[in-house]
Full PDB file with SEQRES, HELIX, SHEET, SSBOND, CRYST1, ORIGX, SCALE, CONECT and MASTER records, all heavy atoms in Angstrom:
SEQRES   1 A   36  THR ALA ALA GLU ALA TYR LEU ARG GLU ARG ASP GLY ASP          
SEQRES   2 A   36  LEU ALA ALA ALA ALA ARG LEU TYR ALA GLU ALA ALA LEU          
SEQRES   3 A   36  SER ALA PRO ASN LEU PRO GLU ARG ASP HIS                      
HELIX    1 AA1 ALA A    2  ASP A   11  1                                  10    
HELIX    2 AA2 LEU A   14  LEU A   26  1                                  13    
HELIX    3 AA3 LEU A   31  ASP A   35  1                                   5    
CRYST1    1.000    1.000    1.000  90.00  90.00  90.00 P 1           1          
ORIGX1      1.000000  0.000000  0.000000        0.00000                         
ORIGX2      0.000000  1.000000  0.000000        0.00000                         
ORIGX3      0.000000  0.000000  1.000000        0.00000                         
SCALE1      1.000000  0.000000  0.000000        0.00000                         
SCALE2      0.000000  1.000000  0.000000        0.00000                         
SCALE3      0.000000  0.000000  1.000000        0.00000                         
ATOM      1  N   THR A   1     -10.962   2.448  -8.576  1.00  0.00           N  
ATOM      2  CA  THR A   1      -9.712   2.967  -8.115  1.00  0.00           C  
ATOM      3  C   THR A   1      -9.129   2.177  -6.933  1.00  0.00           C  
ATOM      4  O   THR A   1      -7.859   1.842  -6.925  1.00  0.00           O  
ATOM      5  CB  THR A   1      -9.814   4.468  -7.741  1.00  0.00           C  
ATOM      6  OG1 THR A   1     -10.535   5.192  -8.764  1.00  0.00           O  
ATOM      7  CG2 THR A   1      -8.424   5.036  -7.415  1.00  0.00           C  
ATOM      8  N   ALA A   2     -10.006   1.734  -6.045  1.00  0.00           N  
ATOM      9  CA  ALA A   2      -9.498   0.923  -4.919  1.00  0.00           C  
ATOM     10  C   ALA A   2      -8.988  -0.431  -5.439  1.00  0.00           C  
ATOM     11  O   ALA A   2      -7.934  -0.923  -5.015  1.00  0.00           O  
ATOM     12  CB  ALA A   2     -10.670   0.681  -4.001  1.00  0.00           C  
ATOM     13  N   ALA A   3      -9.702  -1.005  -6.454  1.00  0.00           N  
ATOM     14  CA  ALA A   3      -9.250  -2.278  -7.012  1.00  0.00           C  
ATOM     15  C   ALA A   3      -7.865  -2.102  -7.734  1.00  0.00           C  
ATOM     16  O   ALA A   3      -6.938  -2.915  -7.519  1.00  0.00           O  
ATOM     17  CB  ALA A   3     -10.228  -2.776  -8.004  1.00  0.00           C  
ATOM     18  N   GLU A   4      -7.683  -1.022  -8.421  1.00  0.00           N  
ATOM     19  CA  GLU A   4      -6.402  -0.746  -9.060  1.00  0.00           C  
ATOM     20  C   GLU A   4      -5.320  -0.496  -8.035  1.00  0.00           C  
ATOM     21  O   GLU A   4      -4.167  -1.070  -8.197  1.00  0.00           O  
ATOM     22  CB  GLU A   4      -6.584   0.466 -10.025  1.00  0.00           C  
ATOM     23  CG  GLU A   4      -5.178   0.658 -10.776  1.00  0.00           C  
ATOM     24  CD  GLU A   4      -5.297   1.898 -11.708  1.00  0.00           C  
ATOM     25  OE1 GLU A   4      -6.365   2.554 -11.776  1.00  0.00           O  
ATOM     26  OE2 GLU A   4      -4.170   2.216 -12.375  1.00  0.00           O  
ATOM     27  N   ALA A   5      -5.647   0.114  -6.962  1.00  0.00           N  
ATOM     28  CA  ALA A   5      -4.657   0.335  -5.917  1.00  0.00           C  
ATOM     29  C   ALA A   5      -4.150  -1.026  -5.340  1.00  0.00           C  
ATOM     30  O   ALA A   5      -2.958  -1.184  -5.120  1.00  0.00           O  
ATOM     31  CB  ALA A   5      -5.227   1.271  -4.760  1.00  0.00           C  
ATOM     32  N   TYR A   6      -5.091  -1.886  -5.135  1.00  0.00           N  
ATOM     33  CA  TYR A   6      -4.755  -3.143  -4.521  1.00  0.00           C  
ATOM     34  C   TYR A   6      -3.848  -3.957  -5.525  1.00  0.00           C  
ATOM     35  O   TYR A   6      -2.824  -4.558  -5.026  1.00  0.00           O  
ATOM     36  CB  TYR A   6      -5.998  -3.979  -4.232  1.00  0.00           C  
ATOM     37  CG  TYR A   6      -5.791  -5.397  -3.839  1.00  0.00           C  
ATOM     38  CD1 TYR A   6      -5.348  -5.677  -2.559  1.00  0.00           C  
ATOM     39  CD2 TYR A   6      -6.046  -6.437  -4.721  1.00  0.00           C  
ATOM     40  CE1 TYR A   6      -5.087  -7.010  -2.177  1.00  0.00           C  
ATOM     41  CE2 TYR A   6      -5.705  -7.744  -4.325  1.00  0.00           C  
ATOM     42  CZ  TYR A   6      -5.253  -8.063  -3.089  1.00  0.00           C  
ATOM     43  OH  TYR A   6      -5.046  -9.336  -2.711  1.00  0.00           O  
ATOM     44  N   LEU A   7      -4.229  -3.964  -6.730  1.00  0.00           N  
ATOM     45  CA  LEU A   7      -3.448  -4.741  -7.818  1.00  0.00           C  
ATOM     46  C   LEU A   7      -2.042  -4.104  -7.943  1.00  0.00           C  
ATOM     47  O   LEU A   7      -1.015  -4.778  -8.131  1.00  0.00           O  
ATOM     48  CB  LEU A   7      -4.216  -4.802  -9.026  1.00  0.00           C  
ATOM     49  CG  LEU A   7      -5.435  -5.694  -9.007  1.00  0.00           C  
ATOM     50  CD1 LEU A   7      -6.252  -5.633 -10.286  1.00  0.00           C  
ATOM     51  CD2 LEU A   7      -5.088  -7.174  -8.767  1.00  0.00           C  
ATOM     52  N   ARG A   8      -2.028  -2.798  -7.932  1.00  0.00           N  
ATOM     53  CA  ARG A   8      -0.702  -2.046  -8.080  1.00  0.00           C  
ATOM     54  C   ARG A   8       0.249  -2.453  -6.904  1.00  0.00           C  
ATOM     55  O   ARG A   8       1.417  -2.631  -7.055  1.00  0.00           O  
ATOM     56  CB  ARG A   8      -0.849  -0.548  -8.133  1.00  0.00           C  
ATOM     57  CG  ARG A   8      -1.649  -0.010  -9.346  1.00  0.00           C  
ATOM     58  CD  ARG A   8      -0.770  -0.091 -10.532  1.00  0.00           C  
ATOM     59  NE  ARG A   8      -1.460   0.440 -11.770  1.00  0.00           N  
ATOM     60  CZ  ARG A   8      -1.016   0.317 -13.017  1.00  0.00           C  
ATOM     61  NH1 ARG A   8       0.061  -0.408 -13.230  1.00  0.00           N  
ATOM     62  NH2 ARG A   8      -1.704   0.722 -13.941  1.00  0.00           N  
ATOM     63  N   GLU A   9      -0.392  -2.454  -5.715  1.00  0.00           N  
ATOM     64  CA  GLU A   9       0.407  -2.810  -4.524  1.00  0.00           C  
ATOM     65  C   GLU A   9       0.913  -4.206  -4.635  1.00  0.00           C  
ATOM     66  O   GLU A   9       2.160  -4.517  -4.371  1.00  0.00           O  
ATOM     67  CB  GLU A   9      -0.368  -2.710  -3.240  1.00  0.00           C  
ATOM     68  CG  GLU A   9       0.466  -3.039  -2.073  1.00  0.00           C  
ATOM     69  CD  GLU A   9      -0.330  -3.025  -0.716  1.00  0.00           C  
ATOM     70  OE1 GLU A   9      -1.552  -2.638  -0.743  1.00  0.00           O  
ATOM     71  OE2 GLU A   9       0.213  -3.371   0.389  1.00  0.00           O  
ATOM     72  N   ARG A  10       0.169  -5.135  -5.109  1.00  0.00           N  
ATOM     73  CA  ARG A  10       0.577  -6.542  -5.245  1.00  0.00           C  
ATOM     74  C   ARG A  10       1.641  -6.666  -6.340  1.00  0.00           C  
ATOM     75  O   ARG A  10       2.531  -7.500  -6.264  1.00  0.00           O  
ATOM     76  CB  ARG A  10      -0.598  -7.452  -5.590  1.00  0.00           C  
ATOM     77  CG  ARG A  10      -1.531  -7.702  -4.438  1.00  0.00           C  
ATOM     78  CD  ARG A  10      -2.350  -8.952  -4.636  1.00  0.00           C  
ATOM     79  NE  ARG A  10      -1.496 -10.082  -4.753  1.00  0.00           N  
ATOM     80  CZ  ARG A  10      -1.606 -11.075  -5.592  1.00  0.00           C  
ATOM     81  NH1 ARG A  10      -2.567 -11.048  -6.454  1.00  0.00           N  
ATOM     82  NH2 ARG A  10      -0.769 -12.096  -5.625  1.00  0.00           N  
ATOM     83  N   ASP A  11       1.662  -5.750  -7.281  1.00  0.00           N  
ATOM     84  CA  ASP A  11       2.611  -5.742  -8.409  1.00  0.00           C  
ATOM     85  C   ASP A  11       3.965  -5.054  -7.929  1.00  0.00           C  
ATOM     86  O   ASP A  11       4.854  -4.986  -8.777  1.00  0.00           O  
ATOM     87  CB  ASP A  11       2.014  -5.065  -9.654  1.00  0.00           C  
ATOM     88  CG  ASP A  11       2.786  -5.365 -10.843  1.00  0.00           C  
ATOM     89  OD1 ASP A  11       3.321  -6.434 -10.985  1.00  0.00           O  
ATOM     90  OD2 ASP A  11       2.938  -4.454 -11.724  1.00  0.00           O  
ATOM     91  N   GLY A  12       3.982  -4.367  -6.732  1.00  0.00           N  
ATOM     92  CA  GLY A  12       5.103  -3.800  -6.321  1.00  0.00           C  
ATOM     93  C   GLY A  12       5.239  -2.304  -6.503  1.00  0.00           C  
ATOM     94  O   GLY A  12       6.224  -1.658  -6.036  1.00  0.00           O  
ATOM     95  N   ASP A  13       4.264  -1.693  -7.130  1.00  0.00           N  
ATOM     96  CA  ASP A  13       4.327  -0.245  -7.374  1.00  0.00           C  
ATOM     97  C   ASP A  13       3.626   0.503  -6.272  1.00  0.00           C  
ATOM     98  O   ASP A  13       2.484   0.907  -6.319  1.00  0.00           O  
ATOM     99  CB  ASP A  13       3.553  -0.008  -8.727  1.00  0.00           C  
ATOM    100  CG  ASP A  13       3.742   1.497  -9.204  1.00  0.00           C  
ATOM    101  OD1 ASP A  13       4.267   2.315  -8.388  1.00  0.00           O  
ATOM    102  OD2 ASP A  13       3.380   1.762 -10.352  1.00  0.00           O  
ATOM    103  N   LEU A  14       4.396   0.650  -5.133  1.00  0.00           N  
ATOM    104  CA  LEU A  14       3.813   1.193  -3.942  1.00  0.00           C  
ATOM    105  C   LEU A  14       3.462   2.612  -3.963  1.00  0.00           C  
ATOM    106  O   LEU A  14       2.437   3.048  -3.416  1.00  0.00           O  
ATOM    107  CB  LEU A  14       4.822   1.066  -2.754  1.00  0.00           C  
ATOM    108  CG  LEU A  14       5.251  -0.441  -2.427  1.00  0.00           C  
ATOM    109  CD1 LEU A  14       6.054  -0.566  -1.103  1.00  0.00           C  
ATOM    110  CD2 LEU A  14       4.071  -1.382  -2.380  1.00  0.00           C  
ATOM    111  N   ALA A  15       4.209   3.435  -4.790  1.00  0.00           N  
ATOM    112  CA  ALA A  15       3.837   4.849  -4.922  1.00  0.00           C  
ATOM    113  C   ALA A  15       2.569   4.981  -5.653  1.00  0.00           C  
ATOM    114  O   ALA A  15       1.682   5.829  -5.218  1.00  0.00           O  
ATOM    115  CB  ALA A  15       5.027   5.549  -5.707  1.00  0.00           C  
ATOM    116  N   ALA A  16       2.333   4.318  -6.708  1.00  0.00           N  
ATOM    117  CA  ALA A  16       1.040   4.428  -7.410  1.00  0.00           C  
ATOM    118  C   ALA A  16      -0.027   3.936  -6.578  1.00  0.00           C  
ATOM    119  O   ALA A  16      -1.161   4.443  -6.585  1.00  0.00           O  
ATOM    120  CB  ALA A  16       1.115   3.622  -8.796  1.00  0.00           C  
ATOM    121  N   ALA A  17       0.187   2.800  -5.815  1.00  0.00           N  
ATOM    122  CA  ALA A  17      -0.847   2.254  -5.014  1.00  0.00           C  
ATOM    123  C   ALA A  17      -1.259   3.251  -3.893  1.00  0.00           C  
ATOM    124  O   ALA A  17      -2.457   3.538  -3.620  1.00  0.00           O  
ATOM    125  CB  ALA A  17      -0.412   0.965  -4.391  1.00  0.00           C  
ATOM    126  N   ALA A  18      -0.292   3.835  -3.272  1.00  0.00           N  
ATOM    127  CA  ALA A  18      -0.513   4.872  -2.243  1.00  0.00           C  
ATOM    128  C   ALA A  18      -1.405   5.952  -2.736  1.00  0.00           C  
ATOM    129  O   ALA A  18      -2.374   6.445  -2.061  1.00  0.00           O  
ATOM    130  CB  ALA A  18       0.709   5.379  -1.588  1.00  0.00           C  
ATOM    131  N   ARG A  19      -1.014   6.486  -3.892  1.00  0.00           N  
ATOM    132  CA  ARG A  19      -1.765   7.637  -4.516  1.00  0.00           C  
ATOM    133  C   ARG A  19      -3.254   7.144  -4.820  1.00  0.00           C  
ATOM    134  O   ARG A  19      -4.122   7.943  -4.562  1.00  0.00           O  
ATOM    135  CB  ARG A  19      -1.063   8.033  -5.755  1.00  0.00           C  
ATOM    136  CG  ARG A  19      -1.826   9.144  -6.560  1.00  0.00           C  
ATOM    137  CD  ARG A  19      -1.037   9.596  -7.824  1.00  0.00           C  
ATOM    138  NE  ARG A  19      -0.657   8.395  -8.656  1.00  0.00           N  
ATOM    139  CZ  ARG A  19      -1.586   7.762  -9.482  1.00  0.00           C  
ATOM    140  NH1 ARG A  19      -2.754   8.221  -9.562  1.00  0.00           N  
ATOM    141  NH2 ARG A  19      -1.109   6.770 -10.199  1.00  0.00           N  
ATOM    142  N   LEU A  20      -3.332   5.944  -5.376  1.00  0.00           N  
ATOM    143  CA  LEU A  20      -4.714   5.476  -5.795  1.00  0.00           C  
ATOM    144  C   LEU A  20      -5.541   5.227  -4.511  1.00  0.00           C  
ATOM    145  O   LEU A  20      -6.816   5.439  -4.522  1.00  0.00           O  
ATOM    146  CB  LEU A  20      -4.598   4.184  -6.592  1.00  0.00           C  
ATOM    147  CG  LEU A  20      -3.945   4.479  -8.052  1.00  0.00           C  
ATOM    148  CD1 LEU A  20      -3.554   3.129  -8.651  1.00  0.00           C  
ATOM    149  CD2 LEU A  20      -5.033   5.202  -8.885  1.00  0.00           C  
ATOM    150  N   TYR A  21      -4.912   4.686  -3.492  1.00  0.00           N  
ATOM    151  CA  TYR A  21      -5.793   4.449  -2.240  1.00  0.00           C  
ATOM    152  C   TYR A  21      -6.314   5.717  -1.670  1.00  0.00           C  
ATOM    153  O   TYR A  21      -7.400   5.896  -1.263  1.00  0.00           O  
ATOM    154  CB  TYR A  21      -4.841   3.802  -1.115  1.00  0.00           C  
ATOM    155  CG  TYR A  21      -4.700   2.279  -1.224  1.00  0.00           C  
ATOM    156  CD1 TYR A  21      -3.457   1.553  -1.191  1.00  0.00           C  
ATOM    157  CD2 TYR A  21      -5.805   1.524  -1.340  1.00  0.00           C  
ATOM    158  CE1 TYR A  21      -3.370   0.274  -1.257  1.00  0.00           C  
ATOM    159  CE2 TYR A  21      -5.784   0.032  -1.421  1.00  0.00           C  
ATOM    160  CZ  TYR A  21      -4.504  -0.529  -1.387  1.00  0.00           C  
ATOM    161  OH  TYR A  21      -4.399  -1.882  -1.436  1.00  0.00           O  
ATOM    162  N   ALA A  22      -5.483   6.794  -1.672  1.00  0.00           N  
ATOM    163  CA  ALA A  22      -5.876   8.073  -1.228  1.00  0.00           C  
ATOM    164  C   ALA A  22      -6.995   8.656  -2.061  1.00  0.00           C  
ATOM    165  O   ALA A  22      -7.990   9.258  -1.646  1.00  0.00           O  
ATOM    166  CB  ALA A  22      -4.725   9.110  -1.152  1.00  0.00           C  
ATOM    167  N   GLU A  23      -6.822   8.449  -3.453  1.00  0.00           N  
ATOM    168  CA  GLU A  23      -7.872   8.859  -4.325  1.00  0.00           C  
ATOM    169  C   GLU A  23      -9.145   8.153  -4.163  1.00  0.00           C  
ATOM    170  O   GLU A  23     -10.264   8.766  -4.163  1.00  0.00           O  
ATOM    171  CB  GLU A  23      -7.392   8.718  -5.700  1.00  0.00           C  
ATOM    172  CG  GLU A  23      -8.211   9.271  -6.869  1.00  0.00           C  
ATOM    173  CD  GLU A  23      -7.641   9.032  -8.282  1.00  0.00           C  
ATOM    174  OE1 GLU A  23      -6.469   8.984  -8.359  1.00  0.00           O  
ATOM    175  OE2 GLU A  23      -8.532   8.850  -9.187  1.00  0.00           O  
ATOM    176  N   ALA A  24      -9.144   6.858  -3.950  1.00  0.00           N  
ATOM    177  CA  ALA A  24     -10.244   6.096  -3.785  1.00  0.00           C  
ATOM    178  C   ALA A  24     -10.983   6.404  -2.460  1.00  0.00           C  
ATOM    179  O   ALA A  24     -12.263   6.378  -2.398  1.00  0.00           O  
ATOM    180  CB  ALA A  24      -9.936   4.632  -3.679  1.00  0.00           C  
ATOM    181  N   ALA A  25     -10.299   6.824  -1.483  1.00  0.00           N  
ATOM    182  CA  ALA A  25     -10.868   7.205  -0.171  1.00  0.00           C  
ATOM    183  C   ALA A  25     -11.910   8.402  -0.360  1.00  0.00           C  
ATOM    184  O   ALA A  25     -12.808   8.547   0.376  1.00  0.00           O  
ATOM    185  CB  ALA A  25      -9.828   7.498   0.871  1.00  0.00           C  
ATOM    186  N   LEU A  26     -11.574   9.276  -1.275  1.00  0.00           N  
ATOM    187  CA  LEU A  26     -12.316  10.514  -1.525  1.00  0.00           C  
ATOM    188  C   LEU A  26     -13.742  10.135  -2.014  1.00  0.00           C  
ATOM    189  O   LEU A  26     -14.642  10.916  -1.814  1.00  0.00           O  
ATOM    190  CB  LEU A  26     -11.659  11.456  -2.489  1.00  0.00           C  
ATOM    191  CG  LEU A  26     -10.315  11.937  -1.995  1.00  0.00           C  
ATOM    192  CD1 LEU A  26      -9.670  12.802  -3.097  1.00  0.00           C  
ATOM    193  CD2 LEU A  26     -10.452  12.863  -0.750  1.00  0.00           C  
ATOM    194  N   SER A  27     -13.821   9.003  -2.709  1.00  0.00           N  
ATOM    195  CA  SER A  27     -15.153   8.642  -3.278  1.00  0.00           C  
ATOM    196  C   SER A  27     -15.747   7.404  -2.583  1.00  0.00           C  
ATOM    197  O   SER A  27     -16.665   6.814  -3.171  1.00  0.00           O  
ATOM    198  CB  SER A  27     -15.029   8.412  -4.794  1.00  0.00           C  
ATOM    199  OG  SER A  27     -14.047   7.370  -5.043  1.00  0.00           O  
ATOM    200  N   ALA A  28     -15.271   7.054  -1.384  1.00  0.00           N  
ATOM    201  CA  ALA A  28     -15.756   5.818  -0.736  1.00  0.00           C  
ATOM    202  C   ALA A  28     -17.229   6.062  -0.379  1.00  0.00           C  
ATOM    203  O   ALA A  28     -17.639   7.118   0.031  1.00  0.00           O  
ATOM    204  CB  ALA A  28     -14.888   5.609   0.553  1.00  0.00           C  
ATOM    205  N   PRO A  29     -18.034   4.966  -0.485  1.00  0.00           N  
ATOM    206  CA  PRO A  29     -19.502   5.163  -0.224  1.00  0.00           C  
ATOM    207  C   PRO A  29     -19.923   5.182   1.203  1.00  0.00           C  
ATOM    208  O   PRO A  29     -21.028   5.569   1.595  1.00  0.00           O  
ATOM    209  CB  PRO A  29     -20.051   3.948  -0.910  1.00  0.00           C  
ATOM    210  CG  PRO A  29     -18.972   2.876  -0.839  1.00  0.00           C  
ATOM    211  CD  PRO A  29     -17.662   3.611  -1.032  1.00  0.00           C  
ATOM    212  N   ASN A  30     -18.977   4.858   2.148  1.00  0.00           N  
ATOM    213  CA  ASN A  30     -19.294   4.976   3.518  1.00  0.00           C  
ATOM    214  C   ASN A  30     -18.048   5.266   4.359  1.00  0.00           C  
ATOM    215  O   ASN A  30     -16.945   5.069   3.911  1.00  0.00           O  
ATOM    216  CB  ASN A  30     -20.004   3.646   4.019  1.00  0.00           C  
ATOM    217  CG  ASN A  30     -19.177   2.458   3.702  1.00  0.00           C  
ATOM    218  OD1 ASN A  30     -18.133   2.227   4.236  1.00  0.00           O  
ATOM    219  ND2 ASN A  30     -19.677   1.538   2.802  1.00  0.00           N  
ATOM    220  N   LEU A  31     -18.269   5.626   5.613  1.00  0.00           N  
ATOM    221  CA  LEU A  31     -17.139   6.048   6.444  1.00  0.00           C  
ATOM    222  C   LEU A  31     -16.209   4.915   6.704  1.00  0.00           C  
ATOM    223  O   LEU A  31     -14.996   5.094   6.687  1.00  0.00           O  
ATOM    224  CB  LEU A  31     -17.707   6.698   7.726  1.00  0.00           C  
ATOM    225  CG  LEU A  31     -16.690   7.269   8.732  1.00  0.00           C  
ATOM    226  CD1 LEU A  31     -15.817   8.444   7.936  1.00  0.00           C  
ATOM    227  CD2 LEU A  31     -17.374   7.905   9.975  1.00  0.00           C  
ATOM    228  N   PRO A  32     -16.598   3.757   7.110  1.00  0.00           N  
ATOM    229  CA  PRO A  32     -15.596   2.666   7.364  1.00  0.00           C  
ATOM    230  C   PRO A  32     -14.690   2.362   6.185  1.00  0.00           C  
ATOM    231  O   PRO A  32     -13.556   2.131   6.336  1.00  0.00           O  
ATOM    232  CB  PRO A  32     -16.453   1.457   7.778  1.00  0.00           C  
ATOM    233  CG  PRO A  32     -17.783   2.043   8.273  1.00  0.00           C  
ATOM    234  CD  PRO A  32     -17.952   3.251   7.462  1.00  0.00           C  
ATOM    235  N   GLU A  33     -15.256   2.327   4.993  1.00  0.00           N  
ATOM    236  CA  GLU A  33     -14.472   2.091   3.815  1.00  0.00           C  
ATOM    237  C   GLU A  33     -13.518   3.210   3.522  1.00  0.00           C  
ATOM    238  O   GLU A  33     -12.309   2.994   3.201  1.00  0.00           O  
ATOM    239  CB  GLU A  33     -15.375   1.874   2.621  1.00  0.00           C  
ATOM    240  CG  GLU A  33     -14.668   1.354   1.441  1.00  0.00           C  
ATOM    241  CD  GLU A  33     -15.687   0.833   0.324  1.00  0.00           C  
ATOM    242  OE1 GLU A  33     -16.711   0.424   0.626  1.00  0.00           O  
ATOM    243  OE2 GLU A  33     -15.201   0.827  -0.802  1.00  0.00           O  
ATOM    244  N   ARG A  34     -13.955   4.496   3.750  1.00  0.00           N  
ATOM    245  CA  ARG A  34     -13.152   5.630   3.596  1.00  0.00           C  
ATOM    246  C   ARG A  34     -11.861   5.515   4.571  1.00  0.00           C  
ATOM    247  O   ARG A  34     -10.692   5.763   4.154  1.00  0.00           O  
ATOM    248  CB  ARG A  34     -13.918   6.916   3.815  1.00  0.00           C  
ATOM    249  CG  ARG A  34     -13.111   8.186   3.582  1.00  0.00           C  
ATOM    250  CD  ARG A  34     -13.959   9.405   3.892  1.00  0.00           C  
ATOM    251  NE  ARG A  34     -15.171   9.385   3.228  1.00  0.00           N  
ATOM    252  CZ  ARG A  34     -16.287  10.077   3.503  1.00  0.00           C  
ATOM    253  NH1 ARG A  34     -16.272  10.928   4.515  1.00  0.00           N  
ATOM    254  NH2 ARG A  34     -17.415   9.995   2.777  1.00  0.00           N  
ATOM    255  N   ASP A  35     -12.192   5.236   5.761  1.00  0.00           N  
ATOM    256  CA  ASP A  35     -11.143   5.146   6.819  1.00  0.00           C  
ATOM    257  C   ASP A  35     -10.107   4.030   6.460  1.00  0.00           C  
ATOM    258  O   ASP A  35      -8.908   4.207   6.632  1.00  0.00           O  
ATOM    259  CB  ASP A  35     -11.700   4.869   8.123  1.00  0.00           C  
ATOM    260  CG  ASP A  35     -12.474   6.087   8.763  1.00  0.00           C  
ATOM    261  OD1 ASP A  35     -12.255   7.223   8.188  1.00  0.00           O  
ATOM    262  OD2 ASP A  35     -13.248   5.913   9.639  1.00  0.00           O  
ATOM    263  N   HIS A  36     -10.713   2.898   5.983  1.00  0.00           N  
ATOM    264  CA  HIS A  36      -9.836   1.774   5.559  1.00  0.00           C  
ATOM    265  C   HIS A  36      -8.838   2.218   4.455  1.00  0.00           C  
ATOM    266  O   HIS A  36      -7.683   1.939   4.527  1.00  0.00           O  
ATOM    267  CB  HIS A  36     -10.665   0.652   5.210  1.00  0.00           C  
ATOM    268  CG  HIS A  36      -9.827  -0.477   4.554  1.00  0.00           C  
ATOM    269  ND1 HIS A  36      -9.022  -1.275   5.251  1.00  0.00           N  
ATOM    270  CD2 HIS A  36      -9.697  -0.957   3.261  1.00  0.00           C  
ATOM    271  CE1 HIS A  36      -8.409  -2.226   4.466  1.00  0.00           C  
ATOM    272  NE2 HIS A  36      -8.835  -1.916   3.227  1.00  0.00           N  
TER     273      HIS A  36                                                      
MASTER        0    0    0    3    0    0    0    6  272    1    0    3          
END                                                                             
């Protein structure tokens, strides 16, 4: 999900990227990655 968020942002779809970043944060394996 984090990889898709990054690629969506680079493709200009900021709304989808923001949603995917937030979704990816929920399953992040550690706190620094979740915060990022």
